Amino acid sequence: MLIRTASEADLEMIVDFNAALAEESEGKTLDPAKLRPGVAAALADPHKGRYFLAEHGGRVVGQMLITYEWSDWRNGWFWWIQSVYVTLDHRRKGVFRGLFDHVRQLALAEGVIGVRLYVEKENTRAHATYQSLGLDWTSYLVMERHPM
């Protein structure tokens, strides 16, 4: 399996993966008029985030986005893992692990102090996967407000 940084040429595939992810994990249909420019913005500006893709046999079978959070308490960066998607035919075959290991090695090389992610409460299969890779539950709950 090859892990690589996504490029602008990967835009449509990432848009499709994100739409499938939202539908599958949260039952949400994303607005393509917002999704496509949102992905394009991240691909064009690495300060917004970086997509990594997993390829097997020349075909992209998974993706992961990292975004950034500065911690003034710890004087360092956390990377947030987001937009994780693995094609149905490649699940439970080490694709997420490959992406996670790649990002972890980059984080270590760049002095990142930790990685974080959020997961749906009901997604117990993902919980087990994440815990097997050394991720632990925190005491935090995520809150948000929409619209602003």
N, C-alpha and C. Protein backbone atom coordinates (compact mmCIF):
# COMPACT_ATOMS: atom_id res chain seq x y z
N MET A 1 0.85 -1.18 0.00
CA MET A 1 0.00 0.00 0.00
C MET A 1 0.89 1.24 0.00
N LEU A 2 0.52 2.18 -0.83
CA LEU A 2 1.24 3.44 -0.94
C LEU A 2 0.42 4.53 -0.28
N ILE A 3 1.05 5.32 0.58
CA ILE A 3 0.40 6.48 1.19
C ILE A 3 1.04 7.71 0.57
N ARG A 4 0.20 8.62 0.10
CA ARG A 4 0.72 9.83 -0.54
C ARG A 4 -0.13 11.03 -0.15
N THR A 5 0.47 12.21 -0.31
CA THR A 5 -0.26 13.46 -0.10
C THR A 5 -1.16 13.69 -1.30
N ALA A 6 -2.38 14.09 -1.04
CA ALA A 6 -3.32 14.37 -2.13
C ALA A 6 -2.93 15.64 -2.87
N SER A 7 -3.34 15.70 -4.12
CA SER A 7 -3.12 16.90 -4.94
C SER A 7 -4.46 17.41 -5.45
N GLU A 8 -4.43 18.54 -6.11
CA GLU A 8 -5.67 19.11 -6.65
C GLU A 8 -6.32 18.18 -7.66
N ALA A 9 -5.54 17.30 -8.28
CA ALA A 9 -6.10 16.33 -9.23
C ALA A 9 -7.00 15.31 -8.54
N ASP A 10 -6.91 15.20 -7.23
CA ASP A 10 -7.71 14.24 -6.46
C ASP A 10 -9.03 14.82 -5.97
N LEU A 11 -9.33 16.05 -6.35
CA LEU A 11 -10.49 16.77 -5.82
C LEU A 11 -11.79 15.97 -5.92
N GLU A 12 -12.15 15.51 -7.09
CA GLU A 12 -13.46 14.86 -7.26
C GLU A 12 -13.57 13.57 -6.46
N MET A 13 -12.49 12.82 -6.38
CA MET A 13 -12.53 11.58 -5.61
C MET A 13 -12.69 11.88 -4.11
N ILE A 14 -12.01 12.90 -3.61
CA ILE A 14 -12.13 13.26 -2.20
C ILE A 14 -13.54 13.78 -1.91
N VAL A 15 -14.09 14.57 -2.81
CA VAL A 15 -15.47 15.03 -2.66
C VAL A 15 -16.41 13.83 -2.58
N ASP A 16 -16.24 12.87 -3.48
CA ASP A 16 -17.09 11.67 -3.46
C ASP A 16 -16.92 10.88 -2.16
N PHE A 17 -15.68 10.72 -1.71
CA PHE A 17 -15.43 9.99 -0.47
C PHE A 17 -16.07 10.71 0.72
N ASN A 18 -15.94 12.05 0.78
CA ASN A 18 -16.52 12.80 1.89
C ASN A 18 -18.04 12.70 1.89
N ALA A 19 -18.64 12.76 0.71
CA ALA A 19 -20.10 12.62 0.62
C ALA A 19 -20.53 11.25 1.11
N ALA A 20 -19.81 10.21 0.70
CA ALA A 20 -20.13 8.85 1.14
C ALA A 20 -19.94 8.70 2.65
N LEU A 21 -18.88 9.29 3.17
CA LEU A 21 -18.61 9.24 4.61
C LEU A 21 -19.74 9.87 5.41
N ALA A 22 -20.19 11.05 5.01
CA ALA A 22 -21.25 11.75 5.74
C ALA A 22 -22.55 10.96 5.70
N GLU A 23 -22.87 10.40 4.55
CA GLU A 23 -24.10 9.62 4.42
C GLU A 23 -24.03 8.35 5.28
N GLU A 24 -22.91 7.67 5.20
CA GLU A 24 -22.75 6.40 5.90
C GLU A 24 -22.65 6.56 7.41
N SER A 25 -21.89 7.55 7.86
CA SER A 25 -21.61 7.67 9.30
C SER A 25 -22.65 8.49 10.05
N GLU A 26 -23.26 9.46 9.38
CA GLU A 26 -24.17 10.36 10.08
C GLU A 26 -25.53 10.49 9.41
N GLY A 27 -25.73 9.79 8.29
CA GLY A 27 -26.99 9.91 7.57
C GLY A 27 -27.22 11.30 7.00
N LYS A 28 -26.14 12.02 6.71
CA LYS A 28 -26.24 13.38 6.20
C LYS A 28 -25.90 13.43 4.71
N THR A 29 -26.65 14.25 3.99
CA THR A 29 -26.32 14.54 2.61
C THR A 29 -25.65 15.90 2.57
N LEU A 30 -24.41 15.93 2.14
CA LEU A 30 -23.66 17.18 2.11
C LEU A 30 -24.02 17.99 0.87
N ASP A 31 -23.97 19.29 1.00
CA ASP A 31 -24.25 20.21 -0.10
C ASP A 31 -23.00 20.30 -0.99
N PRO A 32 -23.09 19.80 -2.23
CA PRO A 32 -21.91 19.85 -3.11
C PRO A 32 -21.39 21.26 -3.35
N ALA A 33 -22.27 22.26 -3.28
CA ALA A 33 -21.86 23.64 -3.49
C ALA A 33 -20.96 24.15 -2.36
N LYS A 34 -21.00 23.50 -1.21
CA LYS A 34 -20.10 23.83 -0.10
C LYS A 34 -18.95 22.84 -0.01
N LEU A 35 -19.26 21.56 -0.24
CA LEU A 35 -18.25 20.51 -0.09
C LEU A 35 -17.10 20.67 -1.08
N ARG A 36 -17.42 20.80 -2.36
CA ARG A 36 -16.36 20.87 -3.38
C ARG A 36 -15.41 22.04 -3.12
N PRO A 37 -15.91 23.28 -2.91
CA PRO A 37 -14.96 24.37 -2.63
C PRO A 37 -14.23 24.20 -1.30
N GLY A 38 -14.87 23.53 -0.33
CA GLY A 38 -14.19 23.29 0.94
C GLY A 38 -13.00 22.35 0.79
N VAL A 39 -13.20 21.28 0.03
CA VAL A 39 -12.09 20.36 -0.24
C VAL A 39 -11.03 21.06 -1.08
N ALA A 40 -11.46 21.81 -2.09
CA ALA A 40 -10.51 22.52 -2.95
C ALA A 40 -9.66 23.50 -2.14
N ALA A 41 -10.27 24.16 -1.17
CA ALA A 41 -9.53 25.12 -0.34
C ALA A 41 -8.45 24.42 0.46
N ALA A 42 -8.76 23.26 1.01
CA ALA A 42 -7.74 22.52 1.77
C ALA A 42 -6.63 22.01 0.86
N LEU A 43 -6.99 21.56 -0.33
CA LEU A 43 -5.96 21.08 -1.26
C LEU A 43 -5.05 22.22 -1.73
N ALA A 44 -5.60 23.41 -1.82
CA ALA A 44 -4.82 24.56 -2.30
C ALA A 44 -4.00 25.23 -1.21
N ASP A 45 -4.35 25.01 0.05
CA ASP A 45 -3.70 25.72 1.15
C ASP A 45 -3.38 24.75 2.29
N PRO A 46 -2.14 24.28 2.38
CA PRO A 46 -1.79 23.30 3.43
C PRO A 46 -1.93 23.83 4.85
N HIS A 47 -2.11 25.15 5.02
CA HIS A 47 -2.36 25.69 6.35
C HIS A 47 -3.76 25.34 6.84
N LYS A 48 -4.66 25.03 5.91
CA LYS A 48 -6.01 24.63 6.28
C LYS A 48 -6.06 23.15 6.65
N GLY A 49 -5.23 22.35 6.02
CA GLY A 49 -5.21 20.92 6.28
C GLY A 49 -4.47 20.20 5.18
N ARG A 50 -4.24 18.92 5.41
CA ARG A 50 -3.57 18.09 4.41
C ARG A 50 -4.31 16.77 4.31
N TYR A 51 -4.65 16.40 3.09
CA TYR A 51 -5.25 15.10 2.82
C TYR A 51 -4.15 14.11 2.47
N PHE A 52 -4.29 12.90 3.01
CA PHE A 52 -3.42 11.79 2.65
C PHE A 52 -4.29 10.69 2.07
N LEU A 53 -3.77 10.04 1.04
CA LEU A 53 -4.51 9.00 0.35
C LEU A 53 -3.75 7.69 0.42
N ALA A 54 -4.50 6.60 0.55
CA ALA A 54 -3.93 5.25 0.52
C ALA A 54 -4.28 4.63 -0.82
N GLU A 55 -3.26 4.13 -1.51
CA GLU A 55 -3.46 3.47 -2.80
C GLU A 55 -3.10 1.99 -2.68
N HIS A 56 -3.89 1.18 -3.32
CA HIS A 56 -3.61 -0.25 -3.41
C HIS A 56 -3.85 -0.66 -4.86
N GLY A 57 -2.85 -1.23 -5.49
CA GLY A 57 -2.98 -1.63 -6.88
C GLY A 57 -3.27 -0.47 -7.81
N GLY A 58 -2.74 0.72 -7.49
CA GLY A 58 -2.94 1.88 -8.32
C GLY A 58 -4.28 2.58 -8.13
N ARG A 59 -5.08 2.11 -7.19
CA ARG A 59 -6.42 2.67 -6.94
C ARG A 59 -6.45 3.27 -5.54
N VAL A 60 -7.04 4.46 -5.40
CA VAL A 60 -7.18 5.06 -4.08
C VAL A 60 -8.28 4.33 -3.34
N VAL A 61 -7.93 3.84 -2.13
CA VAL A 61 -8.87 3.05 -1.33
C VAL A 61 -9.15 3.67 0.03
N GLY A 62 -8.51 4.80 0.33
CA GLY A 62 -8.75 5.44 1.62
C GLY A 62 -8.18 6.84 1.66
N GLN A 63 -8.72 7.61 2.61
CA GLN A 63 -8.25 8.98 2.78
C GLN A 63 -8.28 9.37 4.25
N MET A 64 -7.50 10.40 4.57
CA MET A 64 -7.47 11.00 5.90
C MET A 64 -7.07 12.45 5.73
N LEU A 65 -7.74 13.33 6.45
CA LEU A 65 -7.40 14.75 6.48
C LEU A 65 -6.85 15.07 7.85
N ILE A 66 -5.80 15.87 7.90
CA ILE A 66 -5.37 16.41 9.19
C ILE A 66 -5.56 17.92 9.16
N THR A 67 -6.03 18.44 10.30
CA THR A 67 -6.11 19.89 10.52
C THR A 67 -5.37 20.17 11.81
N TYR A 68 -5.24 21.44 12.16
CA TYR A 68 -4.31 21.83 13.20
C TYR A 68 -4.98 22.61 14.33
N GLU A 69 -4.49 22.37 15.53
CA GLU A 69 -4.93 23.11 16.72
C GLU A 69 -3.71 23.48 17.54
N TRP A 70 -3.55 24.77 17.81
CA TRP A 70 -2.46 25.24 18.66
C TRP A 70 -2.89 25.14 20.11
N SER A 71 -2.04 24.57 20.96
CA SER A 71 -2.30 24.51 22.39
C SER A 71 -1.39 25.48 23.12
N ASP A 72 -1.98 26.54 23.65
CA ASP A 72 -1.18 27.48 24.43
C ASP A 72 -0.76 26.84 25.75
N TRP A 73 -1.57 25.94 26.28
CA TRP A 73 -1.24 25.27 27.55
C TRP A 73 -0.01 24.38 27.41
N ARG A 74 0.17 23.81 26.25
CA ARG A 74 1.26 22.85 26.05
C ARG A 74 2.35 23.39 25.11
N ASN A 75 2.12 24.59 24.56
CA ASN A 75 3.08 25.21 23.65
C ASN A 75 3.42 24.27 22.50
N GLY A 76 2.39 23.76 21.85
CA GLY A 76 2.63 22.86 20.73
C GLY A 76 1.36 22.61 19.93
N TRP A 77 1.55 21.91 18.83
CA TRP A 77 0.46 21.61 17.90
C TRP A 77 -0.15 20.25 18.17
N PHE A 78 -1.46 20.20 18.11
CA PHE A 78 -2.21 18.94 17.97
C PHE A 78 -2.64 18.85 16.52
N TRP A 79 -2.65 17.66 15.99
CA TRP A 79 -3.24 17.42 14.68
C TRP A 79 -4.55 16.70 14.90
N TRP A 80 -5.58 17.16 14.23
CA TRP A 80 -6.89 16.52 14.26
C TRP A 80 -7.02 15.64 13.02
N ILE A 81 -7.39 14.41 13.24
CA ILE A 81 -7.67 13.47 12.15
C ILE A 81 -9.14 13.62 11.80
N GLN A 82 -9.41 13.85 10.53
CA GLN A 82 -10.77 14.07 10.07
C GLN A 82 -10.97 13.41 8.71
N SER A 83 -12.22 13.38 8.29
CA SER A 83 -12.59 12.91 6.94
C SER A 83 -11.94 11.57 6.59
N VAL A 84 -11.96 10.66 7.55
CA VAL A 84 -11.41 9.32 7.31
C VAL A 84 -12.42 8.50 6.53
N TYR A 85 -11.98 7.97 5.42
CA TYR A 85 -12.86 7.11 4.63
C TYR A 85 -12.03 6.00 4.01
N VAL A 86 -12.57 4.78 4.08
CA VAL A 86 -11.97 3.61 3.44
C VAL A 86 -13.07 2.95 2.61
N THR A 87 -12.75 2.62 1.37
CA THR A 87 -13.74 1.99 0.51
C THR A 87 -14.21 0.67 1.12
N LEU A 88 -15.45 0.33 0.84
CA LEU A 88 -16.05 -0.87 1.45
C LEU A 88 -15.21 -2.12 1.24
N ASP A 89 -14.66 -2.29 0.05
CA ASP A 89 -13.91 -3.51 -0.26
C ASP A 89 -12.52 -3.56 0.38
N HIS A 90 -12.11 -2.48 1.04
CA HIS A 90 -10.79 -2.48 1.69
C HIS A 90 -10.84 -2.26 3.20
N ARG A 91 -12.03 -2.31 3.75
CA ARG A 91 -12.14 -2.16 5.21
C ARG A 91 -11.64 -3.41 5.91
N ARG A 92 -11.09 -3.18 7.10
CA ARG A 92 -10.53 -4.26 7.93
C ARG A 92 -9.32 -4.92 7.25
N LYS A 93 -8.63 -4.15 6.40
CA LYS A 93 -7.46 -4.67 5.69
C LYS A 93 -6.21 -3.81 5.94
N GLY A 94 -6.24 -2.97 6.97
CA GLY A 94 -5.06 -2.20 7.34
C GLY A 94 -4.92 -0.85 6.67
N VAL A 95 -5.95 -0.39 5.95
CA VAL A 95 -5.84 0.90 5.26
C VAL A 95 -5.78 2.04 6.28
N PHE A 96 -6.71 2.05 7.22
CA PHE A 96 -6.66 3.11 8.23
C PHE A 96 -5.35 3.05 9.00
N ARG A 97 -4.92 1.87 9.38
CA ARG A 97 -3.66 1.73 10.11
C ARG A 97 -2.51 2.32 9.30
N GLY A 98 -2.48 2.05 8.00
CA GLY A 98 -1.43 2.59 7.15
C GLY A 98 -1.45 4.11 7.11
N LEU A 99 -2.64 4.68 6.97
CA LEU A 99 -2.77 6.13 6.98
C LEU A 99 -2.36 6.71 8.34
N PHE A 100 -2.85 6.09 9.40
CA PHE A 100 -2.53 6.56 10.75
C PHE A 100 -1.03 6.49 11.01
N ASP A 101 -0.39 5.38 10.66
CA ASP A 101 1.05 5.25 10.88
C ASP A 101 1.83 6.31 10.10
N HIS A 102 1.40 6.58 8.88
CA HIS A 102 2.06 7.60 8.07
C HIS A 102 1.95 8.98 8.74
N VAL A 103 0.74 9.33 9.14
CA VAL A 103 0.52 10.62 9.79
C VAL A 103 1.27 10.68 11.12
N ARG A 104 1.28 9.60 11.86
CA ARG A 104 2.00 9.57 13.14
C ARG A 104 3.49 9.83 12.94
N GLN A 105 4.09 9.20 11.92
CA GLN A 105 5.51 9.42 11.65
C GLN A 105 5.78 10.87 11.25
N LEU A 106 4.91 11.44 10.44
CA LEU A 106 5.06 12.86 10.08
C LEU A 106 4.94 13.75 11.32
N ALA A 107 3.97 13.43 12.17
CA ALA A 107 3.76 14.22 13.39
C ALA A 107 4.99 14.16 14.28
N LEU A 108 5.57 12.98 14.44
CA LEU A 108 6.79 12.86 15.25
C LEU A 108 7.92 13.67 14.65
N ALA A 109 8.07 13.61 13.34
CA ALA A 109 9.15 14.34 12.66
C ALA A 109 8.96 15.85 12.76
N GLU A 110 7.71 16.31 12.85
CA GLU A 110 7.42 17.74 12.88
C GLU A 110 7.21 18.27 14.30
N GLY A 111 7.43 17.43 15.32
CA GLY A 111 7.33 17.89 16.70
C GLY A 111 5.92 18.09 17.20
N VAL A 112 4.96 17.45 16.58
CA VAL A 112 3.56 17.55 17.01
C VAL A 112 3.42 16.87 18.36
N ILE A 113 2.63 17.47 19.27
CA ILE A 113 2.53 16.94 20.63
C ILE A 113 1.44 15.89 20.80
N GLY A 114 0.53 15.79 19.82
CA GLY A 114 -0.50 14.76 19.92
C GLY A 114 -1.44 14.80 18.73
N VAL A 115 -2.16 13.71 18.55
CA VAL A 115 -3.20 13.65 17.53
C VAL A 115 -4.53 13.42 18.22
N ARG A 116 -5.56 13.98 17.63
CA ARG A 116 -6.91 13.87 18.18
C ARG A 116 -7.87 13.54 17.05
N LEU A 117 -8.99 12.98 17.43
CA LEU A 117 -10.07 12.78 16.49
C LEU A 117 -11.37 12.71 17.25
N TYR A 118 -12.45 12.92 16.55
CA TYR A 118 -13.76 12.71 17.14
C TYR A 118 -14.42 11.56 16.41
N VAL A 119 -15.28 10.87 17.11
CA VAL A 119 -15.93 9.69 16.55
C VAL A 119 -17.37 9.66 17.04
N GLU A 120 -18.26 9.20 16.19
CA GLU A 120 -19.66 9.07 16.58
C GLU A 120 -19.79 8.09 17.75
N LYS A 121 -20.64 8.43 18.70
CA LYS A 121 -20.82 7.59 19.90
C LYS A 121 -21.18 6.15 19.56
N GLU A 122 -22.00 5.97 18.54
CA GLU A 122 -22.49 4.64 18.21
C GLU A 122 -21.52 3.81 17.37
N ASN A 123 -20.44 4.40 16.90
CA ASN A 123 -19.53 3.71 15.99
C ASN A 123 -18.51 2.88 16.78
N THR A 124 -19.00 1.83 17.42
CA THR A 124 -18.15 1.03 18.30
C THR A 124 -17.03 0.30 17.56
N ARG A 125 -17.25 -0.03 16.30
CA ARG A 125 -16.19 -0.67 15.51
C ARG A 125 -15.00 0.29 15.38
N ALA A 126 -15.29 1.56 15.10
CA ALA A 126 -14.22 2.55 15.00
C ALA A 126 -13.54 2.76 16.35
N HIS A 127 -14.34 2.77 17.42
CA HIS A 127 -13.76 2.93 18.76
C HIS A 127 -12.67 1.88 18.98
N ALA A 128 -13.00 0.63 18.67
CA ALA A 128 -12.04 -0.47 18.88
C ALA A 128 -10.80 -0.29 18.02
N THR A 129 -10.98 0.13 16.79
CA THR A 129 -9.84 0.35 15.90
C THR A 129 -8.94 1.44 16.45
N TYR A 130 -9.53 2.55 16.85
CA TYR A 130 -8.74 3.67 17.35
C TYR A 130 -8.01 3.29 18.65
N GLN A 131 -8.68 2.58 19.53
CA GLN A 131 -8.04 2.17 20.78
C GLN A 131 -6.90 1.20 20.51
N SER A 132 -7.03 0.35 19.50
CA SER A 132 -5.95 -0.60 19.19
C SER A 132 -4.69 0.12 18.70
N LEU A 133 -4.85 1.37 18.26
CA LEU A 133 -3.71 2.16 17.79
C LEU A 133 -3.18 3.10 18.86
N GLY A 134 -3.69 2.96 20.09
CA GLY A 134 -3.16 3.73 21.20
C GLY A 134 -3.89 5.02 21.49
N LEU A 135 -5.00 5.28 20.82
CA LEU A 135 -5.80 6.47 21.13
C LEU A 135 -6.66 6.17 22.35
N ASP A 136 -6.75 7.14 23.25
CA ASP A 136 -7.51 6.99 24.49
C ASP A 136 -8.63 8.01 24.54
N TRP A 137 -9.67 7.68 25.31
CA TRP A 137 -10.75 8.62 25.54
C TRP A 137 -10.24 9.79 26.38
N THR A 138 -10.76 10.96 26.12
CA THR A 138 -10.43 12.13 26.93
C THR A 138 -11.63 12.46 27.81
N SER A 139 -11.46 13.45 28.65
CA SER A 139 -12.57 13.89 29.49
C SER A 139 -13.42 14.95 28.80
N TYR A 140 -13.05 15.32 27.57
CA TYR A 140 -13.75 16.38 26.86
C TYR A 140 -14.96 15.86 26.09
N LEU A 141 -15.98 16.70 26.00
CA LEU A 141 -17.10 16.50 25.09
C LEU A 141 -17.03 17.64 24.08
N VAL A 142 -17.45 17.40 22.86
CA VAL A 142 -17.43 18.42 21.85
C VAL A 142 -18.79 19.10 21.79
N MET A 143 -18.77 20.43 21.78
CA MET A 143 -19.98 21.22 21.63
C MET A 143 -19.80 22.11 20.41
N GLU A 144 -20.92 22.49 19.78
CA GLU A 144 -20.84 23.38 18.64
C GLU A 144 -22.13 24.18 18.52
N ARG A 145 -22.05 25.22 17.69
CA ARG A 145 -23.23 26.04 17.43
C ARG A 145 -23.37 26.26 15.94
N HIS A 146 -24.53 25.95 15.43
CA HIS A 146 -24.83 26.18 14.02
C HIS A 146 -26.21 26.80 13.91
N PRO A 147 -26.45 27.78 13.11
CA PRO A 147 -25.44 28.60 12.42
C PRO A 147 -24.87 29.64 13.37
N MET A 148 -23.80 30.24 12.95
CA MET A 148 -23.18 31.31 13.73
C MET A 148 -23.92 32.53 13.42
